[in-house]
């Protein structure tokens, strides 16, 4: 048996006559982008909430965009990613007075998803940047948890699980903070989304994190890193991913010799009985002259060769143990 539920996170930049742009730059670029992903065998598609109006305009509605995906070999849109990376007076997850506005935003996003085949994950970035939120206390984390408990109850009414994706530069980043957050959230309402690179940069082992929270894990972003943040780069304003003085590129595709032990994670996933989607994400792959197309092809080679072997070994071990 080979894992077939591989999805792609809608993070991509392509060259256009107007310079580097996301594929949503126009319909022709978008069509080619989708066909490249399909040719590599991806069957799920995760996207950002702010792209939904663009895709609706291009394809006659968000369901029309999903039908285009399905015409090109995809099963469906699998996840929607919502975030407030920069805190404002109106939207800041650590400020309780802004929660009603954030919940209303989530309701609007859910309305845009009506008529889709079945989005499974409503992926959220639980906090804004660390430097806008600190000091991060247990009370701060409790306020954030209360927000996502509310959103979690809302999204379940639409068949989606609210699942939390943590950034190395976010206000909840250390293992102690993660544990505190999950203690304050209802396990029936709020779930865990494991980004392998972001946790590694923050000094958190993603394999152990999945092992400890596998019962709440609803998805992954498979990407690599070659650095752990040892200089408090997470405090760098306004964007630690681009402006940290010690590191020019944080993220790499699988197969580039980074720090994440993907075969070990794959074996844990198989052993746990998890049967959901595994998602490839590339973030700022263009830095240093790279391309998203090349990075995605390299990652898929790694999936089909290295991770397939790790999966086969794990399944053989399970059969032997029976």
Protein backbone atom coordinates (compact mmCIF):
# COMPACT_ATOMS: atom_id res chain seq x y z
CA UNK A 1 0.00 0.00 0.00
CA UNK A 2 1.33 3.44 -0.94
CA UNK A 3 0.01 6.66 0.60
CA UNK A 4 -2.29 8.28 -1.93
CA UNK A 5 -3.68 11.28 -0.02
CA UNK A 6 -1.05 13.91 -0.83
CA UNK A 7 -2.19 17.51 -1.03
CA UNK A 8 -0.40 20.73 -1.92
CA UNK A 9 -0.47 23.97 0.04
CA UNK A 10 -1.17 26.90 -2.25
CA UNK A 11 2.20 28.63 -1.73
CA UNK A 12 3.74 29.32 -5.14
CA UNK A 13 5.44 32.17 -6.97
CA UNK A 14 5.98 32.28 -10.73
CA UNK A 15 7.76 34.69 -13.05
CA UNK A 16 5.50 37.00 -15.05
CA UNK A 17 6.09 40.07 -17.25
CA UNK A 18 5.31 42.10 -14.12
CA UNK A 19 7.86 40.21 -11.99
CA UNK A 20 7.34 37.41 -9.46
CA UNK A 21 3.64 36.83 -8.78
CA UNK A 22 1.41 34.11 -7.33
CA UNK A 23 -0.35 32.02 -10.01
CA UNK A 24 -3.57 33.88 -9.25
CA UNK A 25 -1.97 36.68 -11.27
CA UNK A 26 -4.21 35.53 -14.11
CA UNK A 27 -6.19 32.53 -15.36
CA UNK A 28 -3.51 31.25 -17.75
CA UNK A 29 -0.88 31.10 -15.00
CA UNK A 30 -3.36 29.50 -12.63
CA UNK A 31 -4.30 26.79 -15.13
CA UNK A 32 -0.65 25.87 -15.72
CA UNK A 33 0.05 25.80 -12.00
CA UNK A 34 -2.79 23.37 -11.33
CA UNK A 35 -1.71 21.13 -14.20
CA UNK A 36 1.86 21.00 -12.90
CA UNK A 37 0.61 19.83 -9.51
CA UNK A 38 -1.68 17.28 -11.13
CA UNK A 39 1.15 15.89 -13.26
CA UNK A 40 3.12 15.20 -10.07
CA UNK A 41 0.21 13.26 -8.58
CA UNK A 42 -1.23 15.61 -5.96
CA UNK A 43 -4.94 15.03 -5.40
CA UNK A 44 -5.72 17.49 -2.60
CA UNK A 45 -5.47 21.28 -2.61
CA UNK A 46 -5.13 23.55 0.43
CA UNK A 47 -5.42 27.29 -0.06
CA UNK A 48 -5.53 30.58 1.82
CA UNK A 49 -8.80 32.29 2.71
CA UNK A 50 -7.74 35.46 0.90
CA UNK A 51 -7.42 33.61 -2.42
CA UNK A 52 -11.03 32.44 -2.40
CA UNK A 53 -12.49 35.68 -3.88
CA UNK A 54 -9.84 35.62 -6.63
CA UNK A 55 -10.60 32.03 -7.57
CA UNK A 56 -14.32 32.74 -7.43
CA UNK A 57 -13.82 35.53 -9.95
CA UNK A 58 -11.68 33.40 -12.26
CA UNK A 59 -13.81 30.25 -12.23
CA UNK A 60 -17.34 31.49 -11.60
CA UNK A 61 -17.36 30.74 -7.89
CA UNK A 62 -15.28 28.71 -5.45
CA UNK A 63 -17.18 25.51 -6.38
CA UNK A 64 -16.34 26.30 -10.01
CA UNK A 65 -12.67 26.42 -9.09
CA UNK A 66 -12.97 23.08 -7.31
CA UNK A 67 -14.60 21.60 -10.41
CA UNK A 68 -11.61 22.78 -12.43
CA UNK A 69 -9.33 21.03 -9.95
CA UNK A 70 -11.40 17.86 -10.27
CA UNK A 71 -11.30 18.06 -14.06
CA UNK A 72 -7.52 17.97 -13.68
CA UNK A 73 -7.24 14.96 -11.41
CA UNK A 74 -7.76 16.41 -7.93
CA UNK A 75 -10.27 15.04 -5.45
CA UNK A 76 -11.20 18.33 -3.81
CA UNK A 77 -10.15 21.38 -1.85
CA UNK A 78 -8.97 19.81 1.39
CA UNK A 79 -8.11 22.77 3.63
CA UNK A 80 -8.57 26.53 4.05
CA UNK A 81 -5.87 28.50 5.86
CA UNK A 82 -6.86 31.59 7.86
CA UNK A 83 -4.45 33.85 9.74
CA UNK A 84 -3.86 37.21 11.41
CA UNK A 85 -0.07 37.40 11.35
CA UNK A 86 -0.05 41.14 12.04
CA UNK A 87 -2.11 42.30 14.98
CA UNK A 88 -4.36 45.32 14.47
CA UNK A 89 -6.78 47.20 16.70
CA UNK A 90 -9.58 45.18 15.07
CA UNK A 91 -8.07 41.68 14.85
CA UNK A 92 -5.59 40.36 17.39
CA UNK A 93 -6.18 36.84 18.75
CA UNK A 94 -4.60 37.74 22.12
CA UNK A 95 -7.04 40.65 22.61
CA UNK A 96 -10.43 39.37 23.70
CA UNK A 97 -12.23 42.49 22.51
CA UNK A 98 -11.39 41.61 18.88
CA UNK A 99 -12.72 38.05 19.02
CA UNK A 100 -16.20 38.85 17.74
CA UNK A 101 -14.68 40.39 14.59
CA UNK A 102 -12.42 37.36 14.02
CA UNK A 103 -15.34 34.95 14.46
CA UNK A 104 -17.35 37.02 11.97
CA UNK A 105 -14.45 36.83 9.49
CA UNK A 106 -14.41 33.05 9.88
CA UNK A 107 -18.16 32.93 9.23
CA UNK A 108 -17.62 34.84 5.99
CA UNK A 109 -14.91 32.40 4.90
CA UNK A 110 -17.17 29.45 5.68
CA UNK A 111 -19.92 30.95 3.53
CA UNK A 112 -17.50 31.12 0.61
CA UNK A 113 -16.94 27.37 0.99
CA UNK A 114 -20.60 26.44 0.59
CA UNK A 115 -21.16 23.96 -2.20
CA UNK A 116 -17.69 22.38 -2.02
CA UNK A 117 -17.17 18.62 -1.96
CA UNK A 118 -16.01 18.60 1.64
CA UNK A 119 -13.25 20.77 3.06
CA UNK A 120 -11.82 18.89 6.02
CA UNK A 121 -9.51 21.39 7.73
CA UNK A 122 -10.03 25.00 8.71
CA UNK A 123 -6.37 25.71 9.39
CA UNK A 124 -5.62 28.68 11.62
CA UNK A 125 -2.52 30.50 12.77
CA UNK A 126 -3.47 30.85 16.44
CA UNK A 127 -1.60 34.09 17.17
CA UNK A 128 -0.08 37.14 15.59
CA UNK A 129 3.66 37.82 15.68
CA UNK A 130 5.51 37.28 18.92
CA UNK A 131 6.85 40.84 19.04
CA UNK A 132 3.31 42.24 18.85
CA UNK A 133 1.97 39.88 21.50
CA UNK A 134 4.65 39.63 24.19
CA UNK A 135 4.80 39.22 27.07
CA UNK A 136 3.24 35.83 26.47
CA UNK A 137 1.76 34.60 29.74
CA UNK A 138 -0.52 31.69 30.60
CA UNK A 139 -3.36 34.21 30.69
CA UNK A 140 -2.46 35.34 27.15
CA UNK A 141 -2.57 31.76 25.93
CA UNK A 142 -5.91 31.22 27.68
CA UNK A 143 -7.43 34.21 25.84
CA UNK A 144 -6.16 32.83 22.51
CA UNK A 145 -7.51 29.38 23.36
CA UNK A 146 -10.94 30.80 24.12
CA UNK A 147 -11.09 32.32 20.63
CA UNK A 148 -10.31 29.10 18.83
CA UNK A 149 -12.72 27.12 21.00
CA UNK A 150 -15.43 29.47 19.67
CA UNK A 151 -14.26 29.09 16.08
CA UNK A 152 -13.93 25.33 16.50
CA UNK A 153 -17.58 25.01 17.50
CA UNK A 154 -18.52 27.15 14.49
CA UNK A 155 -16.54 25.24 11.86
CA UNK A 156 -17.78 21.85 13.05
CA UNK A 157 -21.28 23.02 12.10
CA UNK A 158 -19.92 23.25 8.53
CA UNK A 159 -18.15 19.89 8.65
CA UNK A 160 -14.64 21.32 9.11
CA UNK A 161 -12.20 20.92 11.97
CA UNK A 162 -10.43 23.99 13.33
CA UNK A 163 -6.81 22.91 13.42
CA UNK A 164 -3.90 24.98 14.69
CA UNK A 165 -0.71 25.59 12.69
CA UNK A 166 2.06 27.24 14.73
CA UNK A 167 4.81 29.52 13.40
CA UNK A 168 8.31 29.78 14.87
CA UNK A 169 7.72 33.54 15.12
CA UNK A 170 4.26 33.29 16.64
CA UNK A 171 3.37 33.97 20.26
CA UNK A 172 2.83 30.26 20.98
CA UNK A 173 6.02 28.53 19.90
CA UNK A 174 7.80 26.58 22.67
CA UNK A 175 6.81 23.09 23.76
CA UNK A 176 5.65 24.43 27.13
CA UNK A 177 3.47 27.05 25.43
CA UNK A 178 2.04 24.49 23.02
CA UNK A 179 1.12 22.17 25.89
CA UNK A 180 -0.50 25.06 27.75
CA UNK A 181 -2.55 26.00 24.69
CA UNK A 182 -3.82 22.48 24.15
CA UNK A 183 -4.72 22.16 27.84
CA UNK A 184 -6.92 25.24 27.48
CA UNK A 185 -8.64 24.09 24.29
CA UNK A 186 -11.41 21.56 23.98
CA UNK A 187 -10.08 18.43 22.22
CA UNK A 188 -13.48 18.01 20.58
CA UNK A 189 -13.28 21.50 19.03
CA UNK A 190 -9.62 22.40 18.45
CA UNK A 191 -7.08 20.20 16.69
CA UNK A 192 -3.38 20.13 15.85
CA UNK A 193 -1.79 20.77 12.44
CA UNK A 194 1.91 19.82 12.36
CA UNK A 195 4.27 22.02 10.33
CA UNK A 196 7.54 20.14 10.43
CA UNK A 197 9.85 23.07 9.67
CA UNK A 198 8.18 25.67 11.86
CA UNK A 199 8.35 23.43 14.93
CA UNK A 200 11.96 22.46 14.24
CA UNK A 201 13.06 26.09 13.93
CA UNK A 202 11.37 26.81 17.28
CA UNK A 203 13.32 23.98 18.90
CA UNK A 204 10.35 21.59 19.07
CA UNK A 205 10.73 18.04 17.73
CA UNK A 206 7.85 17.57 15.25
CA UNK A 207 8.06 13.77 15.50
CA UNK A 208 7.64 13.86 19.27
CA UNK A 209 4.98 16.54 18.98
CA UNK A 210 2.96 14.32 16.63
CA UNK A 211 3.55 11.31 18.85
CA UNK A 212 2.13 13.18 21.85
CA UNK A 213 -0.81 14.79 20.00
CA UNK A 214 -1.60 12.21 17.33
CA UNK A 215 -5.16 11.88 18.62
CA UNK A 216 -5.72 15.58 17.82
CA UNK A 217 -3.64 15.83 14.64
CA UNK A 218 -5.60 16.47 11.44
CA UNK A 219 -2.82 17.34 9.01
CA UNK A 220 0.76 18.27 8.20
CA UNK A 221 2.89 20.67 6.26
CA UNK A 222 5.89 18.68 5.06
CA UNK A 223 8.77 21.09 4.56
CA UNK A 224 12.34 21.17 5.81
CA UNK A 225 14.75 23.61 7.45
CA UNK A 226 18.48 23.78 8.02
CA UNK A 227 18.35 26.09 11.04
CA UNK A 228 17.13 26.21 14.60
CA UNK A 229 16.48 29.73 15.87
CA UNK A 230 19.30 30.26 18.36
CA UNK A 231 19.37 34.08 18.28
CA UNK A 232 15.74 35.01 19.09
CA UNK A 233 15.11 35.75 15.44
CA UNK A 234 11.43 35.10 16.18
CA UNK A 235 11.31 38.59 17.68
CA UNK A 236 12.49 40.31 14.47
CA UNK A 237 9.95 42.85 13.20
CA UNK A 238 8.05 42.94 10.97
CA UNK A 239 8.76 39.55 9.34
CA UNK A 240 11.28 37.12 10.89
CA UNK A 241 11.02 34.81 7.87
CA UNK A 242 12.53 37.49 5.61
CA UNK A 243 14.40 39.87 7.90
CA UNK A 244 16.24 37.78 10.49
CA UNK A 245 19.88 38.96 10.34
CA UNK A 246 21.46 35.53 10.87
CA UNK A 247 19.41 33.45 8.37
CA UNK A 248 18.57 34.39 4.79
CA UNK A 249 16.44 31.31 4.04
CA UNK A 250 14.58 29.28 6.63
CA UNK A 251 12.65 26.75 4.54
CA UNK A 252 13.66 24.01 2.09
CA UNK A 253 11.95 21.21 0.25
CA UNK A 254 12.25 17.62 1.42
CA UNK A 255 15.35 15.94 0.04
CA UNK A 256 17.70 18.88 0.59
CA UNK A 257 19.45 17.49 3.66
CA UNK A 258 17.68 19.48 6.35
CA UNK A 259 17.02 18.81 10.02
CA UNK A 260 13.59 17.16 9.87
CA UNK A 261 13.60 13.36 10.10
CA UNK A 262 10.81 12.70 7.60
CA UNK A 263 11.25 8.89 7.45
CA UNK A 264 10.86 8.71 11.23
CA UNK A 265 7.77 10.89 11.06
CA UNK A 266 6.30 8.79 8.26
CA UNK A 267 6.76 5.66 10.34
CA UNK A 268 5.04 7.32 13.31
CA UNK A 269 2.15 8.37 11.07
CA UNK A 270 1.67 4.80 9.84
CA UNK A 271 2.00 3.33 13.34
CA UNK A 272 -0.57 5.79 14.73
CA UNK A 273 -3.26 4.78 12.27
CA UNK A 274 -3.60 8.30 10.90
CA UNK A 275 -5.34 8.13 7.52
CA UNK A 276 -5.79 11.79 6.57
CA UNK A 277 -4.04 14.07 4.11
CA UNK A 278 -0.32 14.75 4.04
CA UNK A 279 0.47 18.17 2.59
CA UNK A 280 3.57 19.45 0.84
CA UNK A 281 4.31 23.13 1.38
CA UNK A 282 7.05 25.32 -0.01
CA UNK A 283 7.61 28.72 1.51
CA UNK A 284 9.89 31.28 -0.14
CA UNK A 285 11.42 28.61 -2.38
CA UNK A 286 12.45 31.36 -4.81
CA UNK A 287 15.12 32.69 -2.42
CA UNK A 288 18.62 32.06 -3.71
CA UNK A 289 17.44 31.50 -7.26
CA UNK A 290 15.22 28.49 -6.62
CA UNK A 291 11.82 27.81 -8.14
CA UNK A 292 8.61 26.37 -6.79
CA UNK A 293 8.26 24.02 -9.74
CA UNK A 294 11.69 22.52 -9.12
CA UNK A 295 11.18 22.34 -5.35
CA UNK A 296 7.85 20.58 -5.78
CA UNK A 297 9.28 18.03 -8.21
CA UNK A 298 12.18 17.29 -5.85
CA UNK A 299 9.77 16.87 -2.94
CA UNK A 300 7.58 14.49 -4.93
CA UNK A 301 10.63 12.41 -5.87
CA UNK A 302 11.42 12.20 -2.16
CA UNK A 303 7.84 11.13 -1.41
CA UNK A 304 7.84 8.43 -4.09
CA UNK A 305 11.22 7.02 -3.12
CA UNK A 306 12.36 7.77 0.44
CA UNK A 307 9.01 8.17 2.17
CA UNK A 308 7.42 5.29 0.26
CA UNK A 309 10.20 3.05 1.54
CA UNK A 310 9.72 4.28 5.13
CA UNK A 311 5.98 3.69 4.83
CA UNK A 312 6.52 0.15 3.51
CA UNK A 313 8.91 -0.65 6.38
CA UNK A 314 6.40 0.65 8.94
CA UNK A 315 3.56 -1.40 7.45
CA UNK A 316 5.74 -4.51 7.41
CA UNK A 317 6.55 -3.97 11.08
CA UNK A 318 2.85 -3.68 11.90
CA UNK A 319 2.14 -6.94 10.06
CA UNK A 320 4.92 -8.70 11.92
CA UNK A 321 3.61 -7.47 15.26
CA UNK A 322 0.13 -8.91 14.64
